[in-house]
């Protein structure tokens, strides 16, 4: 025949169940707190990465603009106007029909 539990055994069982319940609540709270802190850290890191990404995007745009300017300058160096300018400034050349005056 099955034995009946006494009042003392029944109380021990309830205390044991309460301990497990309290332990479970404490563990869930601790893990929830850890997850919350980690989530906050990840959000802060994400904001830093977004700022860095924007900074790099700005640099890319600047470099693209610079490349465009260099390409335009390259095209300008192929013109007759550029050749004349360099010849006048660096070599002092003039056309046959031009006069050059020197200050005394």
PDB file of N, CA and C in Angstrom:
ATOM      1  N   UNK A   1       0.827  -1.172   0.000  1.00  0.00           N
ATOM      2  CA  UNK A   1       0.000   0.000   0.000  1.00  0.00           C
ATOM      3  C   UNK A   1       0.878   1.244   0.000  1.00  0.00           C
ATOM      4  N   UNK A   2       0.401   2.296  -0.704  1.00  0.00           N
ATOM      5  CA  UNK A   2       1.173   3.528  -0.717  1.00  0.00           C
ATOM      6  C   UNK A   2       1.152   4.192   0.652  1.00  0.00           C
ATOM      7  N   UNK A   3       2.269   4.802   0.950  1.00  0.00           N
ATOM      8  CA  UNK A   3       2.352   5.489   2.228  1.00  0.00           C
ATOM      9  C   UNK A   3       1.814   6.891   2.092  1.00  0.00           C
ATOM     10  N   UNK A   4       1.178   7.334   3.078  1.00  0.00           N
ATOM     11  CA  UNK A   4       0.674   8.697   3.108  1.00  0.00           C
ATOM     12  C   UNK A   4       1.781   9.590   3.629  1.00  0.00           C
ATOM     13  N   UNK A   5       1.830  10.734   3.044  1.00  0.00           N
ATOM     14  CA  UNK A   5       2.835  11.692   3.484  1.00  0.00           C
ATOM     15  C   UNK A   5       2.366  12.378   4.741  1.00  0.00           C
ATOM     16  N   UNK A   6       3.284  12.618   5.546  1.00  0.00           N
ATOM     17  CA  UNK A   6       2.973  13.314   6.771  1.00  0.00           C
ATOM     18  C   UNK A   6       3.031  14.815   6.550  1.00  0.00           C
ATOM     19  N   UNK A   7       2.625  15.572   7.497  1.00  0.00           N
ATOM     20  CA  UNK A   7       2.605  17.029   7.400  1.00  0.00           C
ATOM     21  C   UNK A   7       4.018  17.573   7.257  1.00  0.00           C
ATOM     22  N   UNK A   8       5.002  16.956   7.864  1.00  0.00           N
ATOM     23  CA  UNK A   8       6.389  17.420   7.788  1.00  0.00           C
ATOM     24  C   UNK A   8       6.972  17.238   6.388  1.00  0.00           C
ATOM     25  N   UNK A   9       6.638  16.119   5.769  1.00  0.00           N
ATOM     26  CA  UNK A   9       7.148  15.879   4.413  1.00  0.00           C
ATOM     27  C   UNK A   9       6.501  16.824   3.411  1.00  0.00           C
ATOM     28  N   UNK A  10       5.259  17.129   3.627  1.00  0.00           N
ATOM     29  CA  UNK A  10       4.535  18.016   2.716  1.00  0.00           C
ATOM     30  C   UNK A  10       5.114  19.432   2.773  1.00  0.00           C
ATOM     31  N   UNK A  11       5.496  19.884   3.964  1.00  0.00           N
ATOM     32  CA  UNK A  11       6.086  21.208   4.117  1.00  0.00           C
ATOM     33  C   UNK A  11       7.470  21.257   3.459  1.00  0.00           C
ATOM     34  N   UNK A  12       8.250  20.191   3.616  1.00  0.00           N
ATOM     35  CA  UNK A  12       9.562  20.136   2.981  1.00  0.00           C
ATOM     36  C   UNK A  12       9.422  20.214   1.464  1.00  0.00           C
ATOM     37  N   UNK A  13       8.444  19.547   0.923  1.00  0.00           N
ATOM     38  CA  UNK A  13       8.213  19.570  -0.521  1.00  0.00           C
ATOM     39  C   UNK A  13       7.863  20.988  -0.977  1.00  0.00           C
ATOM     40  N   UNK A  14       7.002  21.684  -0.235  1.00  0.00           N
ATOM     41  CA  UNK A  14       6.636  23.065  -0.580  1.00  0.00           C
ATOM     42  C   UNK A  14       7.845  23.996  -0.485  1.00  0.00           C
ATOM     43  N   UNK A  15       8.657  23.853   0.543  1.00  0.00           N
ATOM     44  CA  UNK A  15       9.850  24.679   0.698  1.00  0.00           C
ATOM     45  C   UNK A  15      10.814  24.438  -0.471  1.00  0.00           C
ATOM     46  N   UNK A  16      10.984  23.199  -0.833  1.00  0.00           N
ATOM     47  CA  UNK A  16      11.850  22.846  -1.942  1.00  0.00           C
ATOM     48  C   UNK A  16      11.334  23.474  -3.237  1.00  0.00           C
ATOM     49  N   UNK A  17      10.028  23.404  -3.473  1.00  0.00           N
ATOM     50  CA  UNK A  17       9.443  24.004  -4.675  1.00  0.00           C
ATOM     51  C   UNK A  17       9.628  25.522  -4.669  1.00  0.00           C
ATOM     52  N   UNK A  18       9.478  26.139  -3.518  1.00  0.00           N
ATOM     53  CA  UNK A  18       9.656  27.586  -3.417  1.00  0.00           C
ATOM     54  C   UNK A  18      11.113  27.968  -3.697  1.00  0.00           C
ATOM     55  N   UNK A  19      12.031  27.182  -3.180  1.00  0.00           N
ATOM     56  CA  UNK A  19      13.448  27.466  -3.425  1.00  0.00           C
ATOM     57  C   UNK A  19      13.753  27.414  -4.923  1.00  0.00           C
ATOM     58  N   UNK A  20      13.242  26.403  -5.590  1.00  0.00           N
ATOM     59  CA  UNK A  20      13.470  26.298  -7.032  1.00  0.00           C
ATOM     60  C   UNK A  20      12.820  27.456  -7.788  1.00  0.00           C
ATOM     61  N   UNK A  21      11.641  27.844  -7.326  1.00  0.00           N
ATOM     62  CA  UNK A  21      10.956  28.969  -7.960  1.00  0.00           C
ATOM     63  C   UNK A  21      11.748  30.264  -7.768  1.00  0.00           C
ATOM     64  N   UNK A  22      12.222  30.511  -6.552  1.00  0.00           N
ATOM     65  CA  UNK A  22      13.021  31.707  -6.274  1.00  0.00           C
ATOM     66  C   UNK A  22      14.329  31.662  -7.065  1.00  0.00           C
ATOM     67  N   UNK A  23      14.965  30.517  -7.107  1.00  0.00           N
ATOM     68  CA  UNK A  23      16.195  30.352  -7.868  1.00  0.00           C
ATOM     69  C   UNK A  23      15.947  30.630  -9.358  1.00  0.00           C
ATOM     70  N   UNK A  24      14.859  30.124  -9.885  1.00  0.00           N
ATOM     71  CA  UNK A  24      14.514  30.347 -11.291  1.00  0.00           C
ATOM     72  C   UNK A  24      14.269  31.832 -11.550  1.00  0.00           C
ATOM     73  N   UNK A  25      13.576  32.496 -10.655  1.00  0.00           N
ATOM     74  CA  UNK A  25      13.304  33.935 -10.811  1.00  0.00           C
ATOM     75  C   UNK A  25      14.609  34.730 -10.775  1.00  0.00           C
ATOM     76  N   UNK A  26      15.492  34.375  -9.826  1.00  0.00           N
ATOM     77  CA  UNK A  26      16.778  35.063  -9.726  1.00  0.00           C
ATOM     78  C   UNK A  26      17.591  34.852 -11.002  1.00  0.00           C
ATOM     79  N   UNK A  27      17.648  33.631 -11.505  1.00  0.00           N
ATOM     80  CA  UNK A  27      18.405  33.347 -12.723  1.00  0.00           C
ATOM     81  C   UNK A  27      17.830  34.092 -13.925  1.00  0.00           C
ATOM     82  N   UNK A  28      16.532  34.108 -14.058  1.00  0.00           N
ATOM     83  CA  UNK A  28      15.906  34.825 -15.167  1.00  0.00           C
ATOM     84  C   UNK A  28      16.199  36.317 -15.068  1.00  0.00           C
ATOM     85  N   UNK A  29      16.157  36.865 -13.866  1.00  0.00           N
ATOM     86  CA  UNK A  29      16.457  38.288 -13.671  1.00  0.00           C
ATOM     87  C   UNK A  29      17.912  38.597 -14.016  1.00  0.00           C
ATOM     88  N   UNK A  30      18.823  37.747 -13.552  1.00  0.00           N
ATOM     89  CA  UNK A  30      20.248  37.957 -13.833  1.00  0.00           C
ATOM     90  C   UNK A  30      20.505  37.883 -15.335  1.00  0.00           C
ATOM     91  N   UNK A  31      19.987  36.851 -15.981  1.00  0.00           N
ATOM     92  CA  UNK A  31      20.188  36.723 -17.433  1.00  0.00           C
ATOM     93  C   UNK A  31      19.524  37.866 -18.194  1.00  0.00           C
ATOM     94  N   UNK A  32      18.372  38.291 -17.738  1.00  0.00           N
ATOM     95  CA  UNK A  32      17.706  39.443 -18.370  1.00  0.00           C
ATOM     96  C   UNK A  32      18.539  40.701 -18.246  1.00  0.00           C
ATOM     97  N   UNK A  33      19.130  40.902 -17.078  1.00  0.00           N
ATOM     98  CA  UNK A  33      20.001  42.067 -16.873  1.00  0.00           C
ATOM     99  C   UNK A  33      21.237  42.007 -17.753  1.00  0.00           C
ATOM    100  N   UNK A  34      21.854  40.830 -17.833  1.00  0.00           N
ATOM    101  CA  UNK A  34      23.029  40.673 -18.685  1.00  0.00           C
ATOM    102  C   UNK A  34      22.691  40.933 -20.152  1.00  0.00           C
ATOM    103  N   UNK A  35      21.575  40.421 -20.581  1.00  0.00           N
ATOM    104  CA  UNK A  35      21.149  40.634 -21.962  1.00  0.00           C
ATOM    105  C   UNK A  35      20.871  42.109 -22.207  1.00  0.00           C
ATOM    106  N   UNK A  36      20.256  42.776 -21.243  1.00  0.00           N
ATOM    107  CA  UNK A  36      19.970  44.204 -21.395  1.00  0.00           C
ATOM    108  C   UNK A  36      21.251  45.023 -21.513  1.00  0.00           C
ATOM    109  N   UNK A  37      22.235  44.750 -20.666  1.00  0.00           N
ATOM    110  CA  UNK A  37      23.504  45.471 -20.741  1.00  0.00           C
ATOM    111  C   UNK A  37      24.215  45.203 -22.058  1.00  0.00           C
ATOM    112  N   UNK A  38      24.197  43.960 -22.485  1.00  0.00           N
ATOM    113  CA  UNK A  38      24.844  43.611 -23.764  1.00  0.00           C
ATOM    114  C   UNK A  38      24.127  44.296 -24.927  1.00  0.00           C
ATOM    115  N   UNK A  39      22.820  44.369 -24.863  1.00  0.00           N
ATOM    116  CA  UNK A  39      22.044  45.033 -25.911  1.00  0.00           C
ATOM    117  C   UNK A  39      22.371  46.520 -25.965  1.00  0.00           C
ATOM    118  N   UNK A  40      22.482  47.154 -24.805  1.00  0.00           N
ATOM    119  CA  UNK A  40      22.836  48.574 -24.765  1.00  0.00           C
ATOM    120  C   UNK A  40      24.232  48.788 -25.350  1.00  0.00           C
ATOM    121  N   UNK A  41      25.165  47.902 -25.020  1.00  0.00           N
ATOM    122  CA  UNK A  41      26.520  47.994 -25.544  1.00  0.00           C
ATOM    123  C   UNK A  41      26.519  47.832 -27.067  1.00  0.00           C
ATOM    124  N   UNK A  42      25.741  46.915 -27.559  1.00  0.00           N
ATOM    125  CA  UNK A  42      25.664  46.686 -29.002  1.00  0.00           C
ATOM    126  C   UNK A  42      25.022  47.881 -29.717  1.00  0.00           C
ATOM    127  N   UNK A  43      24.040  48.499 -29.107  1.00  0.00           N
ATOM    128  CA  UNK A  43      23.423  49.684 -29.708  1.00  0.00           C
ATOM    129  C   UNK A  43      24.426  50.835 -29.778  1.00  0.00           C
ATOM    130  N   UNK A  44      25.225  51.000 -28.738  1.00  0.00           N
ATOM    131  CA  UNK A  44      26.252  52.046 -28.729  1.00  0.00           C
ATOM    132  C   UNK A  44      27.296  51.756 -29.806  1.00  0.00           C
ATOM    133  N   UNK A  45      27.698  50.517 -29.918  1.00  0.00           N
ATOM    134  CA  UNK A  45      28.662  50.124 -30.939  1.00  0.00           C
ATOM    135  C   UNK A  45      28.079  50.330 -32.334  1.00  0.00           C
ATOM    136  N   UNK A  46      26.810  50.038 -32.500  1.00  0.00           N
ATOM    137  CA  UNK A  46      26.137  50.229 -33.780  1.00  0.00           C
ATOM    138  C   UNK A  46      26.127  51.709 -34.159  1.00  0.00           C
ATOM    139  N   UNK A  47      25.895  52.572 -33.190  1.00  0.00           N
ATOM    140  CA  UNK A  47      25.906  54.016 -33.453  1.00  0.00           C
ATOM    141  C   UNK A  47      27.301  54.468 -33.879  1.00  0.00           C
ATOM    142  N   UNK A  48      28.339  53.920 -33.240  1.00  0.00           N
ATOM    143  CA  UNK A  48      29.712  54.259 -33.615  1.00  0.00           C
ATOM    144  C   UNK A  48      29.999  53.792 -35.037  1.00  0.00           C
ATOM    145  N   UNK A  49      29.553  52.592 -35.374  1.00  0.00           N
ATOM    146  CA  UNK A  49      29.766  52.084 -36.726  1.00  0.00           C
ATOM    147  C   UNK A  49      29.021  52.921 -37.755  1.00  0.00           C
ATOM    148  N   UNK A  50      27.827  53.361 -37.429  1.00  0.00           N
ATOM    149  CA  UNK A  50      27.055  54.191 -38.352  1.00  0.00           C
ATOM    150  C   UNK A  50      27.762  55.524 -38.588  1.00  0.00           C
ATOM    151  N   UNK A  51      28.319  56.107 -37.527  1.00  0.00           N
ATOM    152  CA  UNK A  51      29.057  57.372 -37.663  1.00  0.00           C
ATOM    153  C   UNK A  51      30.306  57.160 -38.514  1.00  0.00           C
ATOM    154  N   UNK A  52      31.003  56.075 -38.292  1.00  0.00           N
ATOM    155  CA  UNK A  52      32.204  55.758 -39.078  1.00  0.00           C
ATOM    156  C   UNK A  52      31.836  55.524 -40.543  1.00  0.00           C
ATOM    157  N   UNK A  53      30.731  54.851 -40.769  1.00  0.00           N
ATOM    158  CA  UNK A  53      30.276  54.596 -42.134  1.00  0.00           C
ATOM    159  C   UNK A  53      29.965  55.917 -42.841  1.00  0.00           C
ATOM    160  N   UNK A  54      29.324  56.839 -42.146  1.00  0.00           N
ATOM    161  CA  UNK A  54      29.002  58.139 -42.735  1.00  0.00           C
ATOM    162  C   UNK A  54      30.279  58.913 -43.041  1.00  0.00           C
ATOM    163  N   UNK A  55      31.240  58.847 -42.124  1.00  0.00           N
ATOM    164  CA  UNK A  55      32.516  59.526 -42.331  1.00  0.00           C
ATOM    165  C   UNK A  55      33.231  58.981 -43.568  1.00  0.00           C
ATOM    166  N   UNK A  56      33.243  57.669 -43.703  1.00  0.00           N
ATOM    167  CA  UNK A  56      33.881  57.058 -44.863  1.00  0.00           C
ATOM    168  C   UNK A  56      33.135  57.381 -46.152  1.00  0.00           C
ATOM    169  N   UNK A  57      31.806  57.434 -46.077  1.00  0.00           N
ATOM    170  CA  UNK A  57      31.012  57.796 -47.249  1.00  0.00           C
ATOM    171  C   UNK A  57      31.336  59.226 -47.687  1.00  0.00           C
ATOM    172  N   UNK A  58      31.505  60.131 -46.729  1.00  0.00           N
ATOM    173  CA  UNK A  58      31.882  61.512 -47.042  1.00  0.00           C
ATOM    174  C   UNK A  58      33.251  61.559 -47.718  1.00  0.00           C
ATOM    175  N   UNK A  59      34.196  60.749 -47.206  1.00  0.00           N
ATOM    176  CA  UNK A  59      35.525  60.710 -47.811  1.00  0.00           C
ATOM    177  C   UNK A  59      35.455  60.180 -49.244  1.00  0.00           C
ATOM    178  N   UNK A  60      34.610  59.193 -49.465  1.00  0.00           N
ATOM    179  CA  UNK A  60      34.447  58.651 -50.815  1.00  0.00           C
ATOM    180  C   UNK A  60      33.927  59.730 -51.749  1.00  0.00           C
ATOM    181  N   UNK A  61      32.953  60.494 -51.291  1.00  0.00           N
ATOM    182  CA  UNK A  61      32.405  61.575 -52.111  1.00  0.00           C
ATOM    183  C   UNK A  61      33.473  62.628 -52.414  1.00  0.00           C
ATOM    184  N   UNK A  62      34.289  62.973 -51.407  1.00  0.00           N
ATOM    185  CA  UNK A  62      35.375  63.937 -51.611  1.00  0.00           C
ATOM    186  C   UNK A  62      36.369  63.420 -52.650  1.00  0.00           C
ATOM    187  N   UNK A  63      36.721  62.158 -52.540  1.00  0.00           N
ATOM    188  CA  UNK A  63      37.677  61.577 -53.480  1.00  0.00           C
ATOM    189  C   UNK A  63      37.088  61.490 -54.889  1.00  0.00           C
ATOM    190  N   UNK A  64      35.806  61.210 -54.986  1.00  0.00           N
ATOM    191  CA  UNK A  64      35.161  61.196 -56.301  1.00  0.00           C
ATOM    192  C   UNK A  64      35.176  62.587 -56.918  1.00  0.00           C
ATOM    193  N   UNK A  65      34.927  63.607 -56.101  1.00  0.00           N
ATOM    194  CA  UNK A  65      34.981  64.992 -56.573  1.00  0.00           C
ATOM    195  C   UNK A  65      36.398  65.334 -57.026  1.00  0.00           C
ATOM    196  N   UNK A  66      37.384  64.930 -56.245  1.00  0.00           N
ATOM    197  CA  UNK A  66      38.783  65.192 -56.589  1.00  0.00           C
ATOM    198  C   UNK A  66      39.154  64.489 -57.890  1.00  0.00           C
ATOM    199  N   UNK A  67      38.696  63.270 -58.062  1.00  0.00           N
ATOM    200  CA  UNK A  67      38.956  62.530 -59.295  1.00  0.00           C
ATOM    201  C   UNK A  67      38.357  63.252 -60.489  1.00  0.00           C
ATOM    202  N   UNK A  68      37.153  63.746 -60.318  1.00  0.00           N
ATOM    203  CA  UNK A  68      36.494  64.490 -61.392  1.00  0.00           C
ATOM    204  C   UNK A  68      37.292  65.757 -61.737  1.00  0.00           C
ATOM    205  N   UNK A  69      37.756  66.475 -60.725  1.00  0.00           N
ATOM    206  CA  UNK A  69      38.555  67.675 -60.962  1.00  0.00           C
ATOM    207  C   UNK A  69      39.860  67.341 -61.687  1.00  0.00           C
ATOM    208  N   UNK A  70      40.502  66.240 -61.277  1.00  0.00           N
ATOM    209  CA  UNK A  70      41.743  65.834 -61.945  1.00  0.00           C
ATOM    210  C   UNK A  70      41.497  65.437 -63.401  1.00  0.00           C
ATOM    211  N   UNK A  71      40.387  64.771 -63.648  1.00  0.00           N
ATOM    212  CA  UNK A  71      40.042  64.407 -65.024  1.00  0.00           C
ATOM    213  C   UNK A  71      39.801  65.654 -65.878  1.00  0.00           C
ATOM    214  N   UNK A  72      39.124  66.642 -65.291  1.00  0.00           N
ATOM    215  CA  UNK A  72      38.887  67.894 -66.007  1.00  0.00           C
ATOM    216  C   UNK A  72      40.204  68.614 -66.278  1.00  0.00           C
ATOM    217  N   UNK A  73      41.115  68.609 -65.301  1.00  0.00           N
ATOM    218  CA  UNK A  73      42.417  69.249 -65.488  1.00  0.00           C
ATOM    219  C   UNK A  73      43.220  68.517 -66.569  1.00  0.00           C
ATOM    220  N   UNK A  74      43.110  67.200 -66.565  1.00  0.00           N
ATOM    221  CA  UNK A  74      43.797  66.411 -67.594  1.00  0.00           C
ATOM    222  C   UNK A  74      43.297  66.796 -68.990  1.00  0.00           C
ATOM    223  N   UNK A  75      42.018  66.965 -69.129  1.00  0.00           N
ATOM    224  CA  UNK A  75      41.452  67.393 -70.414  1.00  0.00           C
ATOM    225  C   UNK A  75      41.932  68.802 -70.764  1.00  0.00           C
ATOM    226  N   UNK A  76      42.023  69.685 -69.767  1.00  0.00           N
ATOM    227  CA  UNK A  76      42.489  71.058 -69.986  1.00  0.00           C
ATOM    228  C   UNK A  76      43.940  71.066 -70.451  1.00  0.00           C
ATOM    229  N   UNK A  77      44.780  70.167 -69.906  1.00  0.00           N
ATOM    230  CA  UNK A  77      46.196  70.132 -70.292  1.00  0.00           C
ATOM    231  C   UNK A  77      46.379  69.721 -71.745  1.00  0.00           C
ATOM    232  N   UNK A  78      45.372  69.156 -72.347  1.00  0.00           N
ATOM    233  CA  UNK A  78      45.450  68.740 -73.750  1.00  0.00           C
ATOM    234  C   UNK A  78      45.027  69.857 -74.713  1.00  0.00           C
ATOM    235  N   UNK A  79      44.628  70.994 -74.177  1.00  0.00           N
ATOM    236  CA  UNK A  79      44.153  72.088 -75.030  1.00  0.00           C
ATOM    237  C   UNK A  79      45.306  73.006 -75.436  1.00  0.00           C
ATOM    238  N   UNK A  80      45.051  73.762 -76.508  1.00  0.00           N
ATOM    239  CA  UNK A  80      46.026  74.727 -77.009  1.00  0.00           C
ATOM    240  C   UNK A  80      46.202  75.871 -76.007  1.00  0.00           C
ATOM    241  N   UNK A  81      45.116  76.230 -75.328  1.00  0.00           N
ATOM    242  CA  UNK A  81      45.152  77.300 -74.334  1.00  0.00           C
ATOM    243  C   UNK A  81      46.166  76.999 -73.231  1.00  0.00           C
ATOM    244  N   UNK A  82      46.171  75.764 -72.749  1.00  0.00           N
ATOM    245  CA  UNK A  82      47.107  75.359 -71.698  1.00  0.00           C
ATOM    246  C   UNK A  82      48.545  75.430 -72.208  1.00  0.00           C
ATOM    247  N   UNK A  83      48.782  74.937 -73.428  1.00  0.00           N
ATOM    248  CA  UNK A  83      50.133  74.958 -73.996  1.00  0.00           C
ATOM    249  C   UNK A  83      50.645  76.389 -74.124  1.00  0.00           C
ATOM    250  N   UNK A  84      49.789  77.301 -74.558  1.00  0.00           N
ATOM    251  CA  UNK A  84      50.183  78.704 -74.678  1.00  0.00           C
ATOM    252  C   UNK A  84      50.507  79.301 -73.312  1.00  0.00           C
ATOM    253  N   UNK A  85      49.673  78.990 -72.328  1.00  0.00           N
ATOM    254  CA  UNK A  85      49.882  79.529 -70.981  1.00  0.00           C
ATOM    255  C   UNK A  85      51.222  79.079 -70.412  1.00  0.00           C
ATOM    256  N   UNK A  86      51.533  77.800 -70.545  1.00  0.00           N
ATOM    257  CA  UNK A  86      52.792  77.265 -70.035  1.00  0.00           C
ATOM    258  C   UNK A  86      53.968  77.885 -70.792  1.00  0.00           C
ATOM    259  N   UNK A  87      53.837  78.011 -72.107  1.00  0.00           N
ATOM    260  CA  UNK A  87      54.919  78.584 -72.919  1.00  0.00           C
ATOM    261  C   UNK A  87      55.187  80.034 -72.514  1.00  0.00           C
ATOM    262  N   UNK A  88      54.155  80.787 -72.216  1.00  0.00           N
ATOM    263  CA  UNK A  88      54.327  82.190 -71.822  1.00  0.00           C
ATOM    264  C   UNK A  88      54.932  82.303 -70.419  1.00  0.00           C
ATOM    265  N   UNK A  89      54.378  81.531 -69.461  1.00  0.00           N
ATOM    266  CA  UNK A  89      54.797  81.662 -68.067  1.00  0.00           C
ATOM    267  C   UNK A  89      56.176  81.060 -67.796  1.00  0.00           C
ATOM    268  N   UNK A  90      56.426  79.889 -68.286  1.00  0.00           N
ATOM    269  CA  UNK A  90      57.662  79.192 -67.930  1.00  0.00           C
ATOM    270  C   UNK A  90      58.810  79.513 -68.873  1.00  0.00           C
ATOM    271  N   UNK A  91      58.481  79.686 -70.148  1.00  0.00           N
ATOM    272  CA  UNK A  91      59.549  79.858 -71.125  1.00  0.00           C
ATOM    273  C   UNK A  91      59.636  81.271 -71.692  1.00  0.00           C
ATOM    274  N   UNK A  92      58.679  82.124 -71.361  1.00  0.00           N
ATOM    275  CA  UNK A  92      58.676  83.495 -71.836  1.00  0.00           C
ATOM    276  C   UNK A  92      58.463  83.634 -73.340  1.00  0.00           C
ATOM    277  N   UNK A  93      57.857  82.667 -73.953  1.00  0.00           N
ATOM    278  CA  UNK A  93      57.620  82.695 -75.397  1.00  0.00           C
ATOM    279  C   UNK A  93      56.452  83.608 -75.734  1.00  0.00           C
ATOM    280  N   UNK A  94      56.535  84.212 -76.905  1.00  0.00           N
ATOM    281  CA  UNK A  94      55.451  85.060 -77.401  1.00  0.00           C
ATOM    282  C   UNK A  94      55.277  84.786 -78.888  1.00  0.00           C
ATOM    283  N   UNK A  95      54.139  85.205 -79.416  1.00  0.00           N
ATOM    284  CA  UNK A  95      53.916  85.083 -80.855  1.00  0.00           C
ATOM    285  C   UNK A  95      54.786  86.093 -81.599  1.00  0.00           C
ATOM    286  N   UNK A  96      54.988  85.847 -82.896  1.00  0.00           N
ATOM    287  CA  UNK A  96      55.832  86.732 -83.704  1.00  0.00           C
ATOM    288  C   UNK A  96      55.281  88.146 -83.780  1.00  0.00           C
ATOM    289  N   UNK A  97      53.963  88.293 -83.789  1.00  0.00           N
ATOM    290  CA  UNK A  97      53.370  89.619 -83.928  1.00  0.00           C
ATOM    291  C   UNK A  97      53.159  90.350 -82.597  1.00  0.00           C
ATOM    292  N   UNK A  98      53.623  89.770 -81.481  1.00  0.00           N
ATOM    293  CA  UNK A  98      53.455  90.394 -80.169  1.00  0.00           C
ATOM    294  C   UNK A  98      54.736  91.111 -79.743  1.00  0.00           C
ATOM    295  N   UNK A  99      54.544  92.123 -78.917  1.00  0.00           N
ATOM    296  CA  UNK A  99      55.675  92.859 -78.354  1.00  0.00           C
ATOM    297  C   UNK A  99      55.758  92.570 -76.859  1.00  0.00           C
ATOM    298  N   UNK A 100      56.989  92.503 -76.405  1.00  0.00           N
ATOM    299  CA  UNK A 100      57.179  92.250 -74.977  1.00  0.00           C
ATOM    300  C   UNK A 100      57.896  93.458 -74.382  1.00  0.00           C
ATOM    301  N   UNK A 101      57.290  94.022 -73.338  1.00  0.00           N
ATOM    302  CA  UNK A 101      57.878  95.177 -72.669  1.00  0.00           C
ATOM    303  C   UNK A 101      58.489  94.752 -71.355  1.00  0.00           C
ATOM    304  N   UNK A 102      59.655  95.324 -71.069  1.00  0.00           N
ATOM    305  CA  UNK A 102      60.318  95.042 -69.816  1.00  0.00           C
ATOM    306  C   UNK A 102      60.353  96.319 -68.986  1.00  0.00           C
ATOM    307  N   UNK A 103      60.086  96.183 -67.725  1.00  0.00           N
ATOM    308  CA  UNK A 103      60.150  97.336 -66.829  1.00  0.00           C
ATOM    309  C   UNK A 103      61.590  97.593 -66.468  1.00  0.00           C
ATOM    310  N   UNK A 104      61.953  98.889 -66.421  1.00  0.00           N
ATOM    311  CA  UNK A 104      63.335  99.232 -66.094  1.00  0.00           C
ATOM    312  C   UNK A 104      63.532  99.498 -64.641  1.00  0.00           C
TER     313      UNK A 104
END
